[in-house]
Amino acid sequence: LSLGRFSNYRVCRLHGVYNIKRYSNTVAKQVRADIVDSVRQTVTINYMTTNRAWFLVLSGTFSRPPR
């Protein structure tokens, strides 16, 4: 499963099988994630782009993105 990528954001690696519950329409542009293992858990990832915070909710564990 691949998600897009934000302009100021580097690709973060997500682990597990992800189910996108909901996200901001703007975030739908591009966010990229790599599925590595299967684990279930609800996590919220906060993406900061141009003074705006976007939230992406996924099912699974994830490693925090680089700053």
PDB file of N, CA and C in Angstrom:
ATOM      1  N   LEU A   1       0.846  -1.193   0.000  1.00  0.00           N
ATOM      2  CA  LEU A   1       0.000   0.000   0.000  1.00  0.00           C
ATOM      3  C   LEU A   1       0.879   1.240   0.000  1.00  0.00           C
ATOM      4  N   SER A   2       0.623   2.151  -0.906  1.00  0.00           N
ATOM      5  CA  SER A   2       1.429   3.367  -0.946  1.00  0.00           C
ATOM      6  C   SER A   2       0.561   4.592  -0.757  1.00  0.00           C
ATOM      7  N   LEU A   3       1.042   5.500   0.071  1.00  0.00           N
ATOM      8  CA  LEU A   3       0.306   6.740   0.269  1.00  0.00           C
ATOM      9  C   LEU A   3       1.202   7.812  -0.308  1.00  0.00           C
ATOM     10  N   GLY A   4       0.662   9.015  -0.456  1.00  0.00           N
ATOM     11  CA  GLY A   4       1.445  10.056  -1.110  1.00  0.00           C
ATOM     12  C   GLY A   4       2.589  10.661  -0.335  1.00  0.00           C
ATOM     13  N   ARG A   5       2.883  11.901  -0.627  1.00  0.00           N
ATOM     14  CA  ARG A   5       3.969  12.576   0.072  1.00  0.00           C
ATOM     15  C   ARG A   5       3.687  14.062   0.116  1.00  0.00           C
ATOM     16  N   PHE A   6       3.934  14.701   1.263  1.00  0.00           N
ATOM     17  CA  PHE A   6       3.682  16.143   1.346  1.00  0.00           C
ATOM     18  C   PHE A   6       4.875  16.889   0.809  1.00  0.00           C
ATOM     19  N   SER A   7       4.672  18.107   0.388  1.00  0.00           N
ATOM     20  CA  SER A   7       5.754  18.890  -0.175  1.00  0.00           C
ATOM     21  C   SER A   7       6.915  19.051   0.801  1.00  0.00           C
ATOM     22  N   ASN A   8       6.630  19.431   2.047  1.00  0.00           N
ATOM     23  CA  ASN A   8       7.721  19.621   3.009  1.00  0.00           C
ATOM     24  C   ASN A   8       7.946  18.399   3.857  1.00  0.00           C
ATOM     25  N   TYR A   9       7.362  17.309   3.477  1.00  0.00           N
ATOM     26  CA  TYR A   9       7.395  16.145   4.336  1.00  0.00           C
ATOM     27  C   TYR A   9       8.139  14.972   3.743  1.00  0.00           C
ATOM     28  N   ARG A  10       8.972  14.339   4.523  1.00  0.00           N
ATOM     29  CA  ARG A  10       9.685  13.195   3.987  1.00  0.00           C
ATOM     30  C   ARG A  10       8.848  11.958   4.223  1.00  0.00           C
ATOM     31  N   VAL A  11       9.062  10.977   3.403  1.00  0.00           N
ATOM     32  CA  VAL A  11       8.288   9.750   3.529  1.00  0.00           C
ATOM     33  C   VAL A  11       8.574   9.086   4.872  1.00  0.00           C
ATOM     34  N   CYS A  12       7.528   8.743   5.579  1.00  0.00           N
ATOM     35  CA  CYS A  12       7.748   8.089   6.860  1.00  0.00           C
ATOM     36  C   CYS A  12       7.381   6.623   6.675  1.00  0.00           C
ATOM     37  N   ARG A  13       7.989   5.762   7.445  1.00  0.00           N
ATOM     38  CA  ARG A  13       7.722   4.352   7.263  1.00  0.00           C
ATOM     39  C   ARG A  13       6.665   3.884   8.249  1.00  0.00           C
ATOM     40  N   LEU A  14       5.615   3.302   7.713  1.00  0.00           N
ATOM     41  CA  LEU A  14       4.549   2.816   8.575  1.00  0.00           C
ATOM     42  C   LEU A  14       4.638   1.301   8.635  1.00  0.00           C
ATOM     43  N   HIS A  15       4.356   0.751   9.808  1.00  0.00           N
ATOM     44  CA  HIS A  15       4.431  -0.693   9.964  1.00  0.00           C
ATOM     45  C   HIS A  15       3.058  -1.264  10.228  1.00  0.00           C
ATOM     46  N   GLY A  16       2.676  -2.248   9.486  1.00  0.00           N
ATOM     47  CA  GLY A  16       1.413  -2.911   9.747  1.00  0.00           C
ATOM     48  C   GLY A  16       0.427  -2.791   8.613  1.00  0.00           C
ATOM     49  N   VAL A  17      -0.722  -3.389   8.801  1.00  0.00           N
ATOM     50  CA  VAL A  17      -1.758  -3.320   7.781  1.00  0.00           C
ATOM     51  C   VAL A  17      -2.576  -2.101   8.108  1.00  0.00           C
ATOM     52  N   TYR A  18      -2.662  -1.173   7.188  1.00  0.00           N
ATOM     53  CA  TYR A  18      -3.352   0.068   7.480  1.00  0.00           C
ATOM     54  C   TYR A  18      -4.724   0.219   6.869  1.00  0.00           C
ATOM     55  N   ASN A  19      -5.589   0.763   7.662  1.00  0.00           N
ATOM     56  CA  ASN A  19      -6.926   1.076   7.176  1.00  0.00           C
ATOM     57  C   ASN A  19      -7.095   2.555   7.439  1.00  0.00           C
ATOM     58  N   ILE A  20      -7.314   3.319   6.383  1.00  0.00           N
ATOM     59  CA  ILE A  20      -7.463   4.756   6.596  1.00  0.00           C
ATOM     60  C   ILE A  20      -8.884   5.033   7.043  1.00  0.00           C
ATOM     61  N   LYS A  21      -9.027   5.530   8.245  1.00  0.00           N
ATOM     62  CA  LYS A  21     -10.350   5.799   8.754  1.00  0.00           C
ATOM     63  C   LYS A  21     -10.878   7.113   8.207  1.00  0.00           C
ATOM     64  N   ARG A  22     -10.073   8.145   8.282  1.00  0.00           N
ATOM     65  CA  ARG A  22     -10.499   9.413   7.728  1.00  0.00           C
ATOM     66  C   ARG A  22      -9.340  10.380   7.745  1.00  0.00           C
ATOM     67  N   TYR A  23      -9.390  11.373   6.881  1.00  0.00           N
ATOM     68  CA  TYR A  23      -8.316  12.348   6.818  1.00  0.00           C
ATOM     69  C   TYR A  23      -8.845  13.584   6.136  1.00  0.00           C
ATOM     70  N   SER A  24      -8.118  14.669   6.276  1.00  0.00           N
ATOM     71  CA  SER A  24      -8.555  15.924   5.681  1.00  0.00           C
ATOM     72  C   SER A  24      -8.502  15.804   4.169  1.00  0.00           C
ATOM     73  N   ASN A  25      -9.400  16.470   3.479  1.00  0.00           N
ATOM     74  CA  ASN A  25      -9.427  16.391   2.025  1.00  0.00           C
ATOM     75  C   ASN A  25      -8.100  16.809   1.420  1.00  0.00           C
ATOM     76  N   THR A  26      -7.491  17.820   2.000  1.00  0.00           N
ATOM     77  CA  THR A  26      -6.232  18.304   1.459  1.00  0.00           C
ATOM     78  C   THR A  26      -5.146  17.259   1.573  1.00  0.00           C
ATOM     79  N   VAL A  27      -5.210  16.478   2.635  1.00  0.00           N
ATOM     80  CA  VAL A  27      -4.184  15.473   2.841  1.00  0.00           C
ATOM     81  C   VAL A  27      -4.235  14.403   1.777  1.00  0.00           C
ATOM     82  N   ALA A  28      -5.383  14.234   1.180  1.00  0.00           N
ATOM     83  CA  ALA A  28      -5.551  13.192   0.179  1.00  0.00           C
ATOM     84  C   ALA A  28      -4.582  13.343  -0.977  1.00  0.00           C
ATOM     85  N   LYS A  29      -3.994  14.518  -1.131  1.00  0.00           N
ATOM     86  CA  LYS A  29      -3.068  14.751  -2.228  1.00  0.00           C
ATOM     87  C   LYS A  29      -2.034  13.648  -2.329  1.00  0.00           C
ATOM     88  N   GLN A  30      -1.080  13.652  -1.395  1.00  0.00           N
ATOM     89  CA  GLN A  30      -0.056  12.628  -1.459  1.00  0.00           C
ATOM     90  C   GLN A  30       0.607  12.408  -0.127  1.00  0.00           C
ATOM     91  N   VAL A  31       0.608  11.178   0.275  1.00  0.00           N
ATOM     92  CA  VAL A  31       1.265  10.798   1.513  1.00  0.00           C
ATOM     93  C   VAL A  31       1.761   9.407   1.255  1.00  0.00           C
ATOM     94  N   ARG A  32       3.006   9.131   1.526  1.00  0.00           N
ATOM     95  CA  ARG A  32       3.497   7.813   1.201  1.00  0.00           C
ATOM     96  C   ARG A  32       3.860   6.989   2.422  1.00  0.00           C
ATOM     97  N   ALA A  33       3.493   5.765   2.401  1.00  0.00           N
ATOM     98  CA  ALA A  33       3.799   4.894   3.530  1.00  0.00           C
ATOM     99  C   ALA A  33       4.131   3.498   3.041  1.00  0.00           C
ATOM    100  N   ASP A  34       5.007   2.837   3.758  1.00  0.00           N
ATOM    101  CA  ASP A  34       5.374   1.476   3.378  1.00  0.00           C
ATOM    102  C   ASP A  34       4.884   0.514   4.443  1.00  0.00           C
ATOM    103  N   ILE A  35       4.201  -0.509   4.015  1.00  0.00           N
ATOM    104  CA  ILE A  35       3.707  -1.465   4.988  1.00  0.00           C
ATOM    105  C   ILE A  35       4.798  -2.500   5.247  1.00  0.00           C
ATOM    106  N   VAL A  36       5.106  -2.695   6.498  1.00  0.00           N
ATOM    107  CA  VAL A  36       6.165  -3.629   6.818  1.00  0.00           C
ATOM    108  C   VAL A  36       5.688  -4.845   7.585  1.00  0.00           C
ATOM    109  N   ASP A  37       4.984  -4.651   8.679  1.00  0.00           N
ATOM    110  CA  ASP A  37       4.515  -5.792   9.440  1.00  0.00           C
ATOM    111  C   ASP A  37       3.050  -5.695   9.726  1.00  0.00           C
ATOM    112  N   SER A  38       2.508  -6.763  10.287  1.00  0.00           N
ATOM    113  CA  SER A  38       1.083  -6.700  10.556  1.00  0.00           C
ATOM    114  C   SER A  38       0.856  -6.525  12.045  1.00  0.00           C
ATOM    115  N   VAL A  39       0.309  -5.403  12.408  1.00  0.00           N
ATOM    116  CA  VAL A  39       0.043  -5.123  13.822  1.00  0.00           C
ATOM    117  C   VAL A  39      -1.197  -4.265  13.825  1.00  0.00           C
ATOM    118  N   ARG A  40      -2.026  -4.369  14.864  1.00  0.00           N
ATOM    119  CA  ARG A  40      -3.198  -3.517  14.860  1.00  0.00           C
ATOM    120  C   ARG A  40      -3.281  -2.595  16.036  1.00  0.00           C
ATOM    121  N   GLN A  41      -3.507  -1.351  15.737  1.00  0.00           N
ATOM    122  CA  GLN A  41      -3.511  -0.321  16.744  1.00  0.00           C
ATOM    123  C   GLN A  41      -3.967   0.957  16.066  1.00  0.00           C
ATOM    124  N   THR A  42      -4.596   1.844  16.797  1.00  0.00           N
ATOM    125  CA  THR A  42      -5.042   3.076  16.140  1.00  0.00           C
ATOM    126  C   THR A  42      -4.023   4.158  16.423  1.00  0.00           C
ATOM    127  N   VAL A  43      -3.541   4.807  15.394  1.00  0.00           N
ATOM    128  CA  VAL A  43      -2.551   5.854  15.600  1.00  0.00           C
ATOM    129  C   VAL A  43      -2.940   7.095  14.818  1.00  0.00           C
ATOM    130  N   THR A  44      -2.482   8.243  15.299  1.00  0.00           N
ATOM    131  CA  THR A  44      -2.784   9.488  14.591  1.00  0.00           C
ATOM    132  C   THR A  44      -1.468  10.129  14.197  1.00  0.00           C
ATOM    133  N   ILE A  45      -1.352  10.470  12.942  1.00  0.00           N
ATOM    134  CA  ILE A  45      -0.113  11.085  12.478  1.00  0.00           C
ATOM    135  C   ILE A  45      -0.415  12.538  12.165  1.00  0.00           C
ATOM    136  N   ASN A  46       0.378  13.429  12.689  1.00  0.00           N
ATOM    137  CA  ASN A  46       0.154  14.838  12.466  1.00  0.00           C
ATOM    138  C   ASN A  46       1.135  15.356  11.421  1.00  0.00           C
ATOM    139  N   TYR A  47       0.625  15.816  10.302  1.00  0.00           N
ATOM    140  CA  TYR A  47       1.480  16.340   9.257  1.00  0.00           C
ATOM    141  C   TYR A  47       1.415  17.854   9.280  1.00  0.00           C
ATOM    142  N   MET A  48       2.570  18.501   9.359  1.00  0.00           N
ATOM    143  CA  MET A  48       2.573  19.952   9.371  1.00  0.00           C
ATOM    144  C   MET A  48       2.978  20.446   7.992  1.00  0.00           C
ATOM    145  N   THR A  49       2.124  21.226   7.371  1.00  0.00           N
ATOM    146  CA  THR A  49       2.474  21.764   6.061  1.00  0.00           C
ATOM    147  C   THR A  49       2.043  23.209   5.990  1.00  0.00           C
ATOM    148  N   THR A  50       2.938  24.079   5.659  1.00  0.00           N
ATOM    149  CA  THR A  50       2.658  25.503   5.536  1.00  0.00           C
ATOM    150  C   THR A  50       1.719  26.047   6.608  1.00  0.00           C
ATOM    151  N   ASN A  51       2.142  25.984   7.839  1.00  0.00           N
ATOM    152  CA  ASN A  51       1.344  26.530   8.946  1.00  0.00           C
ATOM    153  C   ASN A  51       0.040  25.801   9.182  1.00  0.00           C
ATOM    154  N   ARG A  52      -0.166  24.693   8.537  1.00  0.00           N
ATOM    155  CA  ARG A  52      -1.415  23.975   8.759  1.00  0.00           C
ATOM    156  C   ARG A  52      -1.122  22.593   9.281  1.00  0.00           C
ATOM    157  N   ALA A  53      -1.959  22.092  10.144  1.00  0.00           N
ATOM    158  CA  ALA A  53      -1.741  20.742  10.669  1.00  0.00           C
ATOM    159  C   ALA A  53      -2.797  19.829  10.088  1.00  0.00           C
ATOM    160  N   TRP A  54      -2.359  18.741   9.502  1.00  0.00           N
ATOM    161  CA  TRP A  54      -3.311  17.797   8.920  1.00  0.00           C
ATOM    162  C   TRP A  54      -3.210  16.501   9.682  1.00  0.00           C
ATOM    163  N   PHE A  55      -4.333  15.849   9.887  1.00  0.00           N
ATOM    164  CA  PHE A  55      -4.290  14.604  10.634  1.00  0.00           C
ATOM    165  C   PHE A  55      -4.681  13.419   9.770  1.00  0.00           C
ATOM    166  N   LEU A  56      -3.922  12.363   9.886  1.00  0.00           N
ATOM    167  CA  LEU A  56      -4.200  11.164   9.112  1.00  0.00           C
ATOM    168  C   LEU A  56      -4.337  10.022  10.107  1.00  0.00           C
ATOM    169  N   VAL A  57      -5.474   9.371  10.087  1.00  0.00           N
ATOM    170  CA  VAL A  57      -5.688   8.296  11.053  1.00  0.00           C
ATOM    171  C   VAL A  57      -5.545   6.949  10.361  1.00  0.00           C
ATOM    172  N   LEU A  58      -4.667   6.123  10.898  1.00  0.00           N
ATOM    173  CA  LEU A  58      -4.419   4.824  10.292  1.00  0.00           C
ATOM    174  C   LEU A  58      -4.536   3.738  11.337  1.00  0.00           C
ATOM    175  N   SER A  59      -4.629   2.543  10.868  1.00  0.00           N
ATOM    176  CA  SER A  59      -4.700   1.412  11.772  1.00  0.00           C
ATOM    177  C   SER A  59      -3.337   0.739  11.717  1.00  0.00           C
ATOM    178  N   GLY A  60      -2.631   0.662  12.815  1.00  0.00           N
ATOM    179  CA  GLY A  60      -1.314   0.038  12.809  1.00  0.00           C
ATOM    180  C   GLY A  60      -0.287   0.877  13.553  1.00  0.00           C
ATOM    181  N   THR A  61       0.926   0.361  13.671  1.00  0.00           N
ATOM    182  CA  THR A  61       1.961   1.116  14.362  1.00  0.00           C
ATOM    183  C   THR A  61       2.747   1.900  13.320  1.00  0.00           C
ATOM    184  N   PHE A  62       3.499   2.877  13.755  1.00  0.00           N
ATOM    185  CA  PHE A  62       4.264   3.654  12.790  1.00  0.00           C
ATOM    186  C   PHE A  62       5.500   4.246  13.442  1.00  0.00           C
ATOM    187  N   SER A  63       6.487   4.594  12.611  1.00  0.00           N
ATOM    188  CA  SER A  63       7.663   5.232  13.193  1.00  0.00           C
ATOM    189  C   SER A  63       7.490   6.711  12.950  1.00  0.00           C
ATOM    190  N   ARG A  64       7.867   7.518  13.921  1.00  0.00           N
ATOM    191  CA  ARG A  64       7.685   8.955  13.765  1.00  0.00           C
ATOM    192  C   ARG A  64       8.522   9.459  12.606  1.00  0.00           C
ATOM    193  N   PRO A  65       7.928  10.370  11.826  1.00  0.00           N
ATOM    194  CA  PRO A  65       8.601  10.940  10.657  1.00  0.00           C
ATOM    195  C   PRO A  65       9.768  11.826  11.055  1.00  0.00           C
ATOM    196  N   PRO A  66      10.751  11.950  10.193  1.00  0.00           N
ATOM    197  CA  PRO A  66      11.924  12.797  10.463  1.00  0.00           C
ATOM    198  C   PRO A  66      11.489  14.253  10.416  1.00  0.00           C
ATOM    199  N   ARG A  67      12.143  15.127  11.176  1.00  0.00           N
ATOM    200  CA  ARG A  67      11.749  16.537  11.142  1.00  0.00           C
ATOM    201  C   ARG A  67      12.503  17.289  10.078  1.00  0.00           C
TER     202      ARG A  67
END
